[in-house]
Amino acid sequence: MTVDVCVSNYDDAFINGIEDIIEDTLVQMFVLHPKDLNELEEVQELSDEHNNIFYALPLELLDKACNKCVGVYISTIEELEGLEERVLMIEESNLNEEFYKALDNHKGIILNATKGHEELENFFVSISPGSVDLFDNDELNKLSMKKIVLQSGYPKHEFDDVYTCVEKISHAMFRSEQSITLEATKNTLQLFSLMG
């Protein structure tokens, strides 16, 4: 089983083919990222229909969250206030030095990571098919498996591409692909409090 922590967008092929995707790729949990209220309402309907669909939403929609919400998507330091208990999702490209320091008391995921972010002990790095090649090989080699989660970035990449990403991590770390996938899944489920 694999968890995809960031489905960038969804389309009819995903919605209509989700059962086949689960069967063919073993990606069994999908975190969608609705951008506005209309998308959120649609995603909430989808998450009611499919046990495998969860979502992270922008801060301004937090009051509309239901139990399938696993995180809050933020992009600025100003949005941090009052979110100490929430799982945060932050694009690596939005981080600056001040923002970085302010994350000490928070937990979450750095999306589309290109480095380990070891200083942020309570943050996982989400590696995607689009970001794995931006990692320095030595950096990947030193990265703890306890820091890794996975994302597809669908529809730019296919769900199968998650495993190409894992294969590249495996080559750099000299660890088996299965152990990396299992650890990434465990990390995600624990962060989202979906694991006993």
N, C-alpha and C. Protein backbone atom coordinates (compact mmCIF):
# COMPACT_ATOMS: atom_id res chain seq x y z
N MET A 1 0.84 -1.20 0.00
CA MET A 1 0.00 0.00 0.00
C MET A 1 0.88 1.25 0.00
N THR A 2 0.45 2.23 -0.74
CA THR A 2 1.13 3.52 -0.79
C THR A 2 0.11 4.64 -0.60
N VAL A 3 0.55 5.71 0.05
CA VAL A 3 -0.28 6.89 0.23
C VAL A 3 0.28 8.00 -0.65
N ASP A 4 -0.57 8.62 -1.44
CA ASP A 4 -0.18 9.76 -2.28
C ASP A 4 -0.62 11.03 -1.56
N VAL A 5 0.34 11.75 -0.96
CA VAL A 5 -0.02 12.89 -0.11
C VAL A 5 -0.36 14.15 -0.90
N CYS A 6 -0.15 14.11 -2.20
CA CYS A 6 -0.50 15.29 -2.99
C CYS A 6 -0.89 14.93 -4.41
N VAL A 7 -2.20 14.77 -4.61
CA VAL A 7 -2.76 14.69 -5.96
C VAL A 7 -3.03 16.14 -6.35
N SER A 8 -2.19 16.68 -7.24
CA SER A 8 -2.25 18.12 -7.54
C SER A 8 -3.60 18.55 -8.06
N ASN A 9 -4.19 17.70 -8.88
CA ASN A 9 -5.51 17.97 -9.41
C ASN A 9 -6.14 16.65 -9.78
N TYR A 10 -7.41 16.64 -10.00
CA TYR A 10 -8.09 15.39 -10.35
C TYR A 10 -8.94 15.64 -11.58
N ASP A 11 -9.23 14.58 -12.29
CA ASP A 11 -10.00 14.69 -13.53
C ASP A 11 -10.95 13.50 -13.61
N ASP A 12 -11.71 13.44 -14.69
CA ASP A 12 -12.67 12.34 -14.84
C ASP A 12 -11.99 10.98 -14.88
N ALA A 13 -10.78 10.94 -15.48
CA ALA A 13 -10.06 9.66 -15.56
C ALA A 13 -9.75 9.14 -14.16
N PHE A 14 -9.39 10.03 -13.26
CA PHE A 14 -9.13 9.63 -11.87
C PHE A 14 -10.42 9.22 -11.16
N ILE A 15 -11.42 10.07 -11.26
CA ILE A 15 -12.68 9.81 -10.55
C ILE A 15 -13.33 8.52 -11.04
N ASN A 16 -13.40 8.36 -12.35
CA ASN A 16 -14.07 7.18 -12.91
C ASN A 16 -13.23 5.91 -12.82
N GLY A 17 -11.91 6.09 -12.70
CA GLY A 17 -11.03 4.92 -12.72
C GLY A 17 -10.37 4.61 -11.41
N ILE A 18 -10.87 5.20 -10.31
CA ILE A 18 -10.16 5.07 -9.03
C ILE A 18 -9.99 3.61 -8.59
N GLU A 19 -11.00 2.78 -8.81
CA GLU A 19 -10.88 1.38 -8.40
C GLU A 19 -9.77 0.67 -9.18
N ASP A 20 -9.68 0.96 -10.47
CA ASP A 20 -8.62 0.36 -11.29
C ASP A 20 -7.25 0.89 -10.89
N ILE A 21 -7.19 2.18 -10.58
CA ILE A 21 -5.91 2.77 -10.14
C ILE A 21 -5.43 2.08 -8.87
N ILE A 22 -6.34 1.89 -7.93
CA ILE A 22 -6.00 1.22 -6.66
C ILE A 22 -5.50 -0.19 -6.93
N GLU A 23 -6.21 -0.90 -7.79
CA GLU A 23 -5.84 -2.29 -8.09
C GLU A 23 -4.53 -2.38 -8.85
N ASP A 24 -4.34 -1.49 -9.81
CA ASP A 24 -3.17 -1.58 -10.69
C ASP A 24 -1.90 -1.02 -10.07
N THR A 25 -2.04 0.01 -9.22
CA THR A 25 -0.83 0.69 -8.73
C THR A 25 -0.55 0.47 -7.25
N LEU A 26 -1.53 -0.05 -6.51
CA LEU A 26 -1.41 -0.21 -5.06
C LEU A 26 -1.30 1.12 -4.31
N VAL A 27 -1.53 2.24 -5.01
CA VAL A 27 -1.73 3.50 -4.30
C VAL A 27 -3.15 3.42 -3.77
N GLN A 28 -3.29 3.42 -2.45
CA GLN A 28 -4.60 3.13 -1.87
C GLN A 28 -5.18 4.27 -1.05
N MET A 29 -4.45 5.36 -0.97
CA MET A 29 -4.98 6.53 -0.27
C MET A 29 -4.51 7.76 -1.02
N PHE A 30 -5.46 8.65 -1.30
CA PHE A 30 -5.17 9.83 -2.11
C PHE A 30 -5.55 11.08 -1.33
N VAL A 31 -4.62 12.04 -1.25
CA VAL A 31 -4.91 13.32 -0.60
C VAL A 31 -5.04 14.37 -1.70
N LEU A 32 -6.27 14.86 -1.88
CA LEU A 32 -6.53 15.90 -2.86
C LEU A 32 -6.35 17.27 -2.22
N HIS A 33 -6.13 18.27 -3.05
CA HIS A 33 -5.85 19.62 -2.55
C HIS A 33 -6.80 20.62 -3.22
N PRO A 34 -8.07 20.65 -2.78
CA PRO A 34 -9.01 21.62 -3.37
C PRO A 34 -8.56 23.05 -3.10
N LYS A 35 -8.77 23.92 -4.07
CA LYS A 35 -8.25 25.30 -3.98
C LYS A 35 -9.32 26.31 -3.55
N ASP A 36 -10.60 25.98 -3.76
CA ASP A 36 -11.66 26.93 -3.41
C ASP A 36 -12.88 26.16 -2.91
N LEU A 37 -13.92 26.90 -2.52
CA LEU A 37 -15.10 26.28 -1.91
C LEU A 37 -15.80 25.31 -2.86
N ASN A 38 -15.91 25.65 -4.14
CA ASN A 38 -16.55 24.75 -5.10
C ASN A 38 -15.80 23.42 -5.19
N GLU A 39 -14.47 23.51 -5.31
CA GLU A 39 -13.66 22.29 -5.38
C GLU A 39 -13.78 21.50 -4.08
N LEU A 40 -13.78 22.20 -2.95
CA LEU A 40 -13.88 21.52 -1.66
C LEU A 40 -15.19 20.73 -1.57
N GLU A 41 -16.29 21.34 -1.97
CA GLU A 41 -17.58 20.65 -1.91
C GLU A 41 -17.57 19.40 -2.79
N GLU A 42 -16.95 19.52 -3.96
CA GLU A 42 -16.85 18.37 -4.86
C GLU A 42 -15.98 17.27 -4.25
N VAL A 43 -14.85 17.67 -3.66
CA VAL A 43 -13.94 16.71 -3.04
C VAL A 43 -14.60 16.05 -1.83
N GLN A 44 -15.37 16.80 -1.06
CA GLN A 44 -16.06 16.21 0.08
C GLN A 44 -17.08 15.17 -0.37
N GLU A 45 -17.76 15.43 -1.47
CA GLU A 45 -18.67 14.42 -2.04
C GLU A 45 -17.90 13.17 -2.44
N LEU A 46 -16.77 13.38 -3.12
CA LEU A 46 -15.93 12.25 -3.54
C LEU A 46 -15.44 11.46 -2.33
N SER A 47 -15.03 12.18 -1.29
CA SER A 47 -14.50 11.51 -0.10
C SER A 47 -15.60 10.74 0.65
N ASP A 48 -16.85 11.17 0.51
CA ASP A 48 -17.96 10.42 1.09
C ASP A 48 -18.18 9.12 0.31
N GLU A 49 -17.99 9.19 -1.00
CA GLU A 49 -18.21 8.02 -1.87
C GLU A 49 -17.05 7.03 -1.79
N HIS A 50 -15.83 7.53 -1.55
CA HIS A 50 -14.63 6.68 -1.59
C HIS A 50 -13.86 6.80 -0.29
N ASN A 51 -13.71 5.68 0.43
CA ASN A 51 -12.96 5.67 1.68
C ASN A 51 -11.50 6.08 1.49
N ASN A 52 -11.00 5.96 0.28
CA ASN A 52 -9.58 6.18 0.00
C ASN A 52 -9.25 7.65 -0.25
N ILE A 53 -10.24 8.51 -0.35
CA ILE A 53 -9.98 9.91 -0.68
C ILE A 53 -10.07 10.78 0.57
N PHE A 54 -8.99 11.54 0.79
CA PHE A 54 -8.90 12.52 1.87
C PHE A 54 -8.50 13.85 1.24
N TYR A 55 -8.38 14.89 2.04
CA TYR A 55 -7.99 16.16 1.44
C TYR A 55 -7.26 17.06 2.44
N ALA A 56 -6.51 18.00 1.87
CA ALA A 56 -5.90 19.10 2.63
C ALA A 56 -6.47 20.37 2.02
N LEU A 57 -6.82 21.32 2.88
CA LEU A 57 -7.47 22.51 2.34
C LEU A 57 -6.72 23.79 2.71
N PRO A 58 -6.97 24.86 1.97
CA PRO A 58 -6.36 26.14 2.31
C PRO A 58 -6.94 26.66 3.63
N LEU A 59 -6.15 27.46 4.34
CA LEU A 59 -6.54 27.96 5.66
C LEU A 59 -7.91 28.64 5.64
N GLU A 60 -8.21 29.39 4.59
CA GLU A 60 -9.47 30.14 4.58
C GLU A 60 -10.70 29.25 4.52
N LEU A 61 -10.50 27.95 4.23
CA LEU A 61 -11.63 27.02 4.18
C LEU A 61 -11.68 26.08 5.38
N LEU A 62 -10.81 26.33 6.37
CA LEU A 62 -10.69 25.40 7.50
C LEU A 62 -12.00 25.20 8.26
N ASP A 63 -12.82 26.24 8.33
CA ASP A 63 -14.09 26.10 9.06
C ASP A 63 -15.09 25.20 8.33
N LYS A 64 -14.78 24.82 7.09
CA LYS A 64 -15.66 23.93 6.31
C LYS A 64 -15.16 22.48 6.33
N ALA A 65 -14.09 22.21 7.11
CA ALA A 65 -13.47 20.89 7.11
C ALA A 65 -14.38 19.84 7.74
N CYS A 66 -14.27 18.60 7.23
CA CYS A 66 -14.95 17.47 7.85
C CYS A 66 -13.86 16.48 8.29
N ASN A 67 -14.28 15.30 8.72
CA ASN A 67 -13.31 14.35 9.27
C ASN A 67 -12.37 13.75 8.22
N LYS A 68 -12.59 14.01 6.95
CA LYS A 68 -11.69 13.50 5.91
C LYS A 68 -10.56 14.51 5.61
N CYS A 69 -10.56 15.63 6.33
CA CYS A 69 -9.50 16.62 6.17
C CYS A 69 -8.29 16.19 7.00
N VAL A 70 -7.14 16.00 6.33
CA VAL A 70 -5.94 15.53 7.04
C VAL A 70 -4.88 16.62 7.19
N GLY A 71 -5.11 17.79 6.59
CA GLY A 71 -4.10 18.83 6.70
C GLY A 71 -4.58 20.18 6.20
N VAL A 72 -3.78 21.19 6.53
CA VAL A 72 -4.06 22.56 6.09
C VAL A 72 -2.90 23.00 5.20
N TYR A 73 -3.26 23.48 4.03
CA TYR A 73 -2.28 23.92 3.05
C TYR A 73 -2.02 25.40 3.27
N ILE A 74 -0.77 25.76 3.63
CA ILE A 74 -0.45 27.17 3.85
C ILE A 74 0.73 27.58 2.98
N SER A 75 0.85 28.88 2.76
CA SER A 75 1.94 29.37 1.90
C SER A 75 2.71 30.54 2.50
N THR A 76 2.23 31.11 3.63
CA THR A 76 2.93 32.25 4.22
C THR A 76 3.05 32.08 5.73
N ILE A 77 4.02 32.75 6.30
CA ILE A 77 4.25 32.69 7.75
C ILE A 77 3.07 33.25 8.52
N GLU A 78 2.38 34.21 7.94
CA GLU A 78 1.24 34.84 8.62
C GLU A 78 0.10 33.85 8.88
N GLU A 79 0.05 32.78 8.10
CA GLU A 79 -1.03 31.80 8.23
C GLU A 79 -0.80 30.80 9.36
N LEU A 80 0.36 30.84 10.01
CA LEU A 80 0.71 29.84 11.01
C LEU A 80 -0.06 29.96 12.32
N GLU A 81 -0.49 31.15 12.66
CA GLU A 81 -1.08 31.39 13.97
C GLU A 81 -2.28 30.48 14.24
N GLY A 82 -2.23 29.81 15.40
CA GLY A 82 -3.33 28.96 15.81
C GLY A 82 -3.37 27.58 15.19
N LEU A 83 -2.32 27.22 14.44
CA LEU A 83 -2.33 25.93 13.74
C LEU A 83 -1.37 24.91 14.36
N GLU A 84 -0.99 25.13 15.63
CA GLU A 84 -0.01 24.24 16.28
C GLU A 84 -0.44 22.78 16.30
N GLU A 85 -1.74 22.53 16.37
CA GLU A 85 -2.23 21.15 16.46
C GLU A 85 -2.55 20.54 15.09
N ARG A 86 -2.45 21.33 14.05
CA ARG A 86 -2.82 20.86 12.71
C ARG A 86 -1.61 20.33 11.95
N VAL A 87 -1.87 19.42 11.02
CA VAL A 87 -0.84 18.97 10.08
C VAL A 87 -0.78 20.02 8.97
N LEU A 88 0.41 20.57 8.75
CA LEU A 88 0.59 21.60 7.73
C LEU A 88 1.18 21.00 6.47
N MET A 89 0.78 21.53 5.34
CA MET A 89 1.37 21.14 4.06
C MET A 89 1.87 22.42 3.39
N ILE A 90 3.16 22.42 3.08
CA ILE A 90 3.81 23.62 2.58
C ILE A 90 4.67 23.27 1.37
N GLU A 91 4.49 23.99 0.29
CA GLU A 91 5.36 23.81 -0.88
C GLU A 91 6.77 24.28 -0.51
N GLU A 92 7.76 23.49 -0.82
CA GLU A 92 9.13 23.88 -0.52
C GLU A 92 9.46 25.25 -1.10
N SER A 93 8.93 25.55 -2.28
CA SER A 93 9.22 26.82 -2.95
C SER A 93 8.70 28.03 -2.18
N ASN A 94 7.79 27.83 -1.22
CA ASN A 94 7.26 28.94 -0.43
C ASN A 94 8.08 29.24 0.82
N LEU A 95 9.06 28.41 1.12
CA LEU A 95 9.83 28.59 2.35
C LEU A 95 10.93 29.62 2.18
N ASN A 96 11.05 30.48 3.19
CA ASN A 96 12.21 31.36 3.30
C ASN A 96 12.77 31.18 4.71
N GLU A 97 13.85 31.87 5.04
CA GLU A 97 14.52 31.63 6.31
C GLU A 97 13.62 31.91 7.51
N GLU A 98 12.88 33.00 7.46
CA GLU A 98 12.00 33.38 8.57
C GLU A 98 10.86 32.36 8.74
N PHE A 99 10.26 31.97 7.63
CA PHE A 99 9.18 30.98 7.62
C PHE A 99 9.70 29.66 8.20
N TYR A 100 10.87 29.28 7.76
CA TYR A 100 11.51 28.04 8.17
C TYR A 100 11.65 27.99 9.69
N LYS A 101 12.17 29.08 10.27
CA LYS A 101 12.38 29.13 11.73
C LYS A 101 11.05 29.07 12.48
N ALA A 102 10.02 29.64 11.92
CA ALA A 102 8.71 29.68 12.58
C ALA A 102 8.02 28.32 12.62
N LEU A 103 8.52 27.35 11.85
CA LEU A 103 7.88 26.04 11.78
C LEU A 103 8.31 25.10 12.91
N ASP A 104 9.23 25.54 13.77
CA ASP A 104 9.75 24.71 14.86
C ASP A 104 8.67 24.05 15.70
N ASN A 105 7.60 24.76 15.99
CA ASN A 105 6.55 24.25 16.88
C ASN A 105 5.42 23.56 16.13
N HIS A 106 5.64 23.25 14.88
CA HIS A 106 4.57 22.69 14.04
C HIS A 106 4.99 21.33 13.48
N LYS A 107 4.04 20.66 12.86
CA LYS A 107 4.31 19.37 12.21
C LYS A 107 3.65 19.37 10.85
N GLY A 108 4.19 18.57 9.95
CA GLY A 108 3.57 18.51 8.63
C GLY A 108 4.45 17.93 7.56
N ILE A 109 4.21 18.39 6.34
CA ILE A 109 4.88 17.86 5.15
C ILE A 109 5.38 19.01 4.29
N ILE A 110 6.63 18.90 3.86
CA ILE A 110 7.16 19.81 2.85
C ILE A 110 6.91 19.14 1.50
N LEU A 111 6.05 19.74 0.69
CA LEU A 111 5.68 19.15 -0.61
C LEU A 111 6.74 19.46 -1.66
N ASN A 112 6.90 18.54 -2.61
CA ASN A 112 7.86 18.71 -3.71
C ASN A 112 9.25 19.03 -3.20
N ALA A 113 9.66 18.30 -2.18
CA ALA A 113 10.96 18.55 -1.55
C ALA A 113 12.11 18.22 -2.49
N THR A 114 13.18 19.01 -2.36
CA THR A 114 14.41 18.74 -3.13
C THR A 114 15.61 18.59 -2.20
N LYS A 115 15.35 18.64 -0.88
CA LYS A 115 16.40 18.37 0.11
C LYS A 115 15.75 17.84 1.38
N GLY A 116 16.57 17.39 2.32
CA GLY A 116 16.07 16.64 3.47
C GLY A 116 15.39 17.44 4.56
N HIS A 117 15.68 18.72 4.69
CA HIS A 117 15.09 19.55 5.74
C HIS A 117 15.20 18.89 7.12
N GLU A 118 16.39 18.38 7.41
CA GLU A 118 16.62 17.66 8.67
C GLU A 118 16.37 18.53 9.90
N GLU A 119 16.56 19.84 9.77
CA GLU A 119 16.38 20.74 10.92
C GLU A 119 14.93 20.76 11.40
N LEU A 120 14.01 20.50 10.49
CA LEU A 120 12.59 20.49 10.85
C LEU A 120 12.20 19.08 11.28
N GLU A 121 12.43 18.79 12.56
CA GLU A 121 12.26 17.43 13.06
C GLU A 121 10.86 16.88 12.89
N ASN A 122 9.86 17.75 12.96
CA ASN A 122 8.48 17.28 12.91
C ASN A 122 7.86 17.37 11.52
N PHE A 123 8.71 17.59 10.52
CA PHE A 123 8.22 17.66 9.14
C PHE A 123 8.79 16.52 8.32
N PHE A 124 7.93 15.96 7.47
CA PHE A 124 8.36 14.96 6.51
C PHE A 124 8.63 15.65 5.18
N VAL A 125 9.47 15.03 4.38
CA VAL A 125 9.72 15.56 3.04
C VAL A 125 8.98 14.68 2.04
N SER A 126 8.17 15.30 1.22
CA SER A 126 7.40 14.57 0.23
C SER A 126 8.16 14.61 -1.09
N ILE A 127 8.53 13.44 -1.55
CA ILE A 127 9.32 13.33 -2.78
C ILE A 127 8.39 12.88 -3.90
N SER A 128 8.49 13.56 -5.01
CA SER A 128 7.61 13.30 -6.15
C SER A 128 8.44 12.90 -7.36
N PRO A 129 7.80 12.35 -8.38
CA PRO A 129 8.53 12.07 -9.63
C PRO A 129 9.17 13.32 -10.21
N GLY A 130 8.58 14.48 -9.93
CA GLY A 130 9.12 15.73 -10.45
C GLY A 130 10.24 16.31 -9.63
N SER A 131 10.38 15.87 -8.36
CA SER A 131 11.42 16.46 -7.51
C SER A 131 12.57 15.51 -7.19
N VAL A 132 12.37 14.22 -7.36
CA VAL A 132 13.41 13.26 -6.95
C VAL A 132 14.74 13.50 -7.67
N ASP A 133 14.69 13.89 -8.94
CA ASP A 133 15.93 14.12 -9.69
C ASP A 133 16.62 15.43 -9.31
N LEU A 134 15.93 16.28 -8.55
CA LEU A 134 16.54 17.53 -8.10
C LEU A 134 17.34 17.34 -6.82
N PHE A 135 17.15 16.20 -6.16
CA PHE A 135 17.95 15.87 -4.99
C PHE A 135 19.37 15.56 -5.41
N ASP A 136 20.31 16.05 -4.65
CA ASP A 136 21.69 15.60 -4.78
C ASP A 136 21.72 14.14 -4.33
N ASN A 137 22.45 13.29 -5.03
CA ASN A 137 22.47 11.86 -4.72
C ASN A 137 22.96 11.60 -3.29
N ASP A 138 23.97 12.37 -2.84
CA ASP A 138 24.47 12.21 -1.47
C ASP A 138 23.40 12.58 -0.46
N GLU A 139 22.63 13.61 -0.79
CA GLU A 139 21.55 14.05 0.09
C GLU A 139 20.50 12.95 0.23
N LEU A 140 20.14 12.32 -0.87
CA LEU A 140 19.20 11.20 -0.82
C LEU A 140 19.77 10.05 -0.01
N ASN A 141 21.06 9.79 -0.20
CA ASN A 141 21.72 8.70 0.50
C ASN A 141 21.68 8.91 2.02
N LYS A 142 21.81 10.15 2.47
CA LYS A 142 21.85 10.46 3.90
C LYS A 142 20.45 10.61 4.51
N LEU A 143 19.45 10.73 3.68
CA LEU A 143 18.09 11.00 4.15
C LEU A 143 17.55 9.81 4.95
N SER A 144 16.98 10.10 6.10
CA SER A 144 16.38 9.05 6.91
C SER A 144 15.06 8.62 6.29
N MET A 145 14.82 7.30 6.28
CA MET A 145 13.54 6.80 5.77
C MET A 145 12.39 7.28 6.64
N LYS A 146 12.69 7.65 7.88
CA LYS A 146 11.65 8.15 8.80
C LYS A 146 11.21 9.56 8.44
N LYS A 147 11.84 10.16 7.42
CA LYS A 147 11.48 11.52 6.99
C LYS A 147 10.68 11.54 5.68
N ILE A 148 10.56 10.38 5.03
CA ILE A 148 10.03 10.36 3.65
C ILE A 148 8.54 10.07 3.60
N VAL A 149 7.82 10.85 2.78
CA VAL A 149 6.48 10.49 2.32
C VAL A 149 6.49 10.69 0.79
N LEU A 150 5.45 10.22 0.13
CA LEU A 150 5.46 10.19 -1.34
C LEU A 150 4.27 10.93 -1.93
N GLN A 151 4.50 11.53 -3.08
CA GLN A 151 3.41 12.18 -3.81
C GLN A 151 3.58 11.92 -5.31
N SER A 152 2.45 11.85 -6.01
CA SER A 152 2.51 11.61 -7.46
C SER A 152 2.56 12.93 -8.24
N GLY A 153 1.81 13.93 -7.74
CA GLY A 153 1.67 15.15 -8.53
C GLY A 153 0.72 14.96 -9.70
N TYR A 154 -0.10 13.90 -9.66
CA TYR A 154 -1.08 13.64 -10.71
C TYR A 154 -1.90 14.92 -10.95
N PRO A 155 -2.22 15.28 -12.16
CA PRO A 155 -2.11 14.53 -13.42
C PRO A 155 -0.82 14.77 -14.21
N LYS A 156 0.08 15.62 -13.69
CA LYS A 156 1.35 15.83 -14.42
C LYS A 156 2.13 14.52 -14.52
N HIS A 157 2.05 13.71 -13.49
CA HIS A 157 2.67 12.39 -13.48
C HIS A 157 1.60 11.35 -13.20
N GLU A 158 1.84 10.15 -13.63
CA GLU A 158 0.90 9.06 -13.38
C GLU A 158 1.14 8.48 -11.98
N PHE A 159 0.16 7.78 -11.44
CA PHE A 159 0.32 7.19 -10.11
C PHE A 159 1.43 6.15 -10.08
N ASP A 160 1.63 5.44 -11.19
CA ASP A 160 2.73 4.47 -11.30
C ASP A 160 4.09 5.13 -11.12
N ASP A 161 4.17 6.41 -11.46
CA ASP A 161 5.46 7.11 -11.37
C ASP A 161 5.96 7.23 -9.93
N VAL A 162 5.06 7.06 -8.97
CA VAL A 162 5.49 7.04 -7.56
C VAL A 162 6.55 5.96 -7.37
N TYR A 163 6.37 4.84 -8.04
CA TYR A 163 7.30 3.71 -7.86
C TYR A 163 8.62 3.93 -8.59
N THR A 164 8.58 4.69 -9.68
CA THR A 164 9.84 5.09 -10.34
C THR A 164 10.63 5.98 -9.40
N CYS A 165 9.91 6.84 -8.70
CA CYS A 165 10.50 7.73 -7.70
C CYS A 165 11.13 6.88 -6.58
N VAL A 166 10.40 5.90 -6.07
CA VAL A 166 10.90 5.02 -5.01
C VAL A 166 12.13 4.26 -5.48
N GLU A 167 12.11 3.84 -6.74
CA GLU A 167 13.26 3.11 -7.30
C GLU A 167 14.52 3.98 -7.26
N LYS A 168 14.37 5.25 -7.60
CA LYS A 168 15.53 6.16 -7.58
C LYS A 168 16.02 6.39 -6.15
N ILE A 169 15.09 6.52 -5.20
CA ILE A 169 15.47 6.67 -3.79
C ILE A 169 16.20 5.41 -3.33
N SER A 170 15.67 4.27 -3.72
CA SER A 170 16.25 2.98 -3.34
C SER A 170 17.70 2.86 -3.83
N HIS A 171 17.96 3.26 -5.06
CA HIS A 171 19.32 3.18 -5.62
C HIS A 171 20.28 4.07 -4.85
N ALA A 172 19.80 5.25 -4.45
CA ALA A 172 20.66 6.19 -3.72
C ALA A 172 20.92 5.73 -2.29
N MET A 173 19.91 5.13 -1.67
CA MET A 173 19.99 4.74 -0.25
C MET A 173 20.55 3.34 -0.03
N PHE A 174 20.56 2.54 -1.08
CA PHE A 174 20.91 1.12 -0.96
C PHE A 174 19.95 0.41 -0.01
N ARG A 175 18.68 0.79 -0.11
CA ARG A 175 17.61 0.14 0.64
C ARG A 175 16.61 -0.42 -0.35
N SER A 176 15.88 -1.44 0.07
CA SER A 176 14.92 -2.04 -0.85
C SER A 176 13.75 -1.09 -1.11
N GLU A 177 13.20 -1.18 -2.30
CA GLU A 177 12.05 -0.35 -2.66
C GLU A 177 10.88 -0.62 -1.73
N GLN A 178 10.68 -1.88 -1.39
CA GLN A 178 9.55 -2.24 -0.53
C GLN A 178 9.69 -1.58 0.85
N SER A 179 10.90 -1.57 1.41
CA SER A 179 11.09 -0.99 2.73
C SER A 179 10.86 0.52 2.70
N ILE A 180 11.24 1.18 1.63
CA ILE A 180 11.02 2.62 1.50
C ILE A 180 9.53 2.92 1.38
N THR A 181 8.84 2.14 0.56
CA THR A 181 7.39 2.33 0.39
C THR A 181 6.66 2.10 1.71
N LEU A 182 7.01 1.03 2.41
CA LEU A 182 6.36 0.73 3.69
C LEU A 182 6.60 1.82 4.72
N GLU A 183 7.84 2.30 4.79
CA GLU A 183 8.17 3.34 5.77
C GLU A 183 7.44 4.64 5.43
N ALA A 184 7.40 5.00 4.15
CA ALA A 184 6.70 6.23 3.73
C ALA A 184 5.22 6.14 4.06
N THR A 185 4.63 4.96 3.86
CA THR A 185 3.22 4.76 4.18
C THR A 185 2.99 4.89 5.67
N LYS A 186 3.84 4.23 6.46
CA LYS A 186 3.71 4.31 7.92
C LYS A 186 3.86 5.75 8.41
N ASN A 187 4.85 6.47 7.87
CA ASN A 187 5.06 7.86 8.26
C ASN A 187 3.80 8.69 8.02
N THR A 188 3.19 8.50 6.85
CA THR A 188 2.01 9.28 6.48
C THR A 188 0.83 8.95 7.37
N LEU A 189 0.58 7.67 7.59
CA LEU A 189 -0.57 7.27 8.41
C LEU A 189 -0.42 7.75 9.84
N GLN A 190 0.79 7.69 10.37
CA GLN A 190 1.01 8.19 11.75
C GLN A 190 0.79 9.70 11.81
N LEU A 191 1.33 10.43 10.82
CA LEU A 191 1.15 11.89 10.81
C LEU A 191 -0.32 12.26 10.75
N PHE A 192 -1.07 11.56 9.93
CA PHE A 192 -2.49 11.87 9.76
C PHE A 192 -3.36 11.24 10.85
N SER A 193 -2.71 10.56 11.82
CA SER A 193 -3.43 9.89 12.93
C SER A 193 -4.44 8.89 12.40
N LEU A 194 -4.05 8.16 11.35
CA LEU A 194 -4.95 7.15 10.77
C LEU A 194 -4.45 5.73 11.08
N MET A 195 -3.47 5.67 11.98
CA MET A 195 -2.87 4.39 12.30
C MET A 195 -2.95 4.20 13.82
N GLY A 196 -3.35 3.01 14.25
CA GLY A 196 -3.49 2.77 15.68
C GLY A 196 -2.18 2.72 16.41
